[in-house]
Amino acid sequence: MRSLACDLETYSPVNLTKSGVYPYAADPEFELLLFGYSIDSGDVHVIDLASDQQLPDEVLAALVDPGVVKWAHNAAFERVALSAWLRRHHPDLLTEEFLDPAQWRCTMVWSAYLGLPMGLDAVGAALDLDVQKDSAGKKLIRQFCAPATPSVLNGGGTRNLPASDPTGWAQFIEYNRRDVEVELAIHDRLSLFPMPEVEWDAYALDQAINDTGINLDRTLADAAVALDDEHRAATLARAQELTGLENPNSPIQLKRNGSPPTVARRHPWRRLMLKPPSTPRLVSCGKCWSCAETSQNPA
């Protein structure tokens, strides 16, 4: 085996769009539902883990084998999700917290590198592939991959399990199979325009940084926040002295004071440079208040 292409369908009560994949996969209720895969671009198989099927030993071994390249579309999701699943079900296979990103390749990143769209459906359409993503998938994902409203079909529970809709579940399995087929077709088409190894190295580094984070001097950061607070307080006091206003950062109060903030709502003090008797010192105060680096990221 030289390559393993895969696609996952998963469940978690955490909102993936809002939280990102790491909190999503770390939730105790996270589950791997379907595992679609192809070995060396061969036939696509789907393992129904939600119905107690098991991943073949050769697939489990391939996930941690540095000699096997793992492919997926938005591979960051598959890699992190599989890492969480392996930690719970096969912890003996992992030597680190996450699967090694250097062993993974991503057709979404490859598509973006070539100036193509990034969504699986959009890439397939742009390349005019013979096989296209199943448009019914969004409904099925909402049905099986997220918490559900209690109903008669799900027995008053908060999840739609496979048994609640066998027909829909069978369609979901075929949807997963189709995704792998589309990924293989994209890979085949893009192989005419290989992505340089240096770019894959950068991708692996980016993923490793996401996995582990970077070192941070917390003492320096805390001191910078404290210094910023002190400086803001000083400039506010100076601006109050210059304008006589209780809140000189207020567009309404500035307007009442004869300084109409018409050019930029977020930075009304810029007009003060053109309107006496305001001074450049007041403009300097305003620049301090509007500094996004400190006002938006104090944590």
Foldseek 3Di string as FASTA:
>chain_A
DQEKEKDWQKAAQDDCVVPPQQVRLQDPPIDTAKIWMDDPLDAIDIAGVLVPGDDDPVVLQLQQDLRYAYEYAPVLNVFNNVLSVCVVVPVVSDPDSTRQLLSYDHLLVLCVVVVFHRDLQRNCVVVVDPAGQDPCQVVLSVQAHYFCQQDVLCPGGRGRGCNSPVVSVVVNRVNRSSNSVSRSRSCVVCVVPDDDVVVSVVVSVVSVCVVPPDDDDVVVLLVVLVVLVVVLVVLQVVLCVQQVDPGPQDQVVCVVSPQHQDPDNNQSCVSVPVPPPRDVSNSVSSVSVSPCVRVVDSD
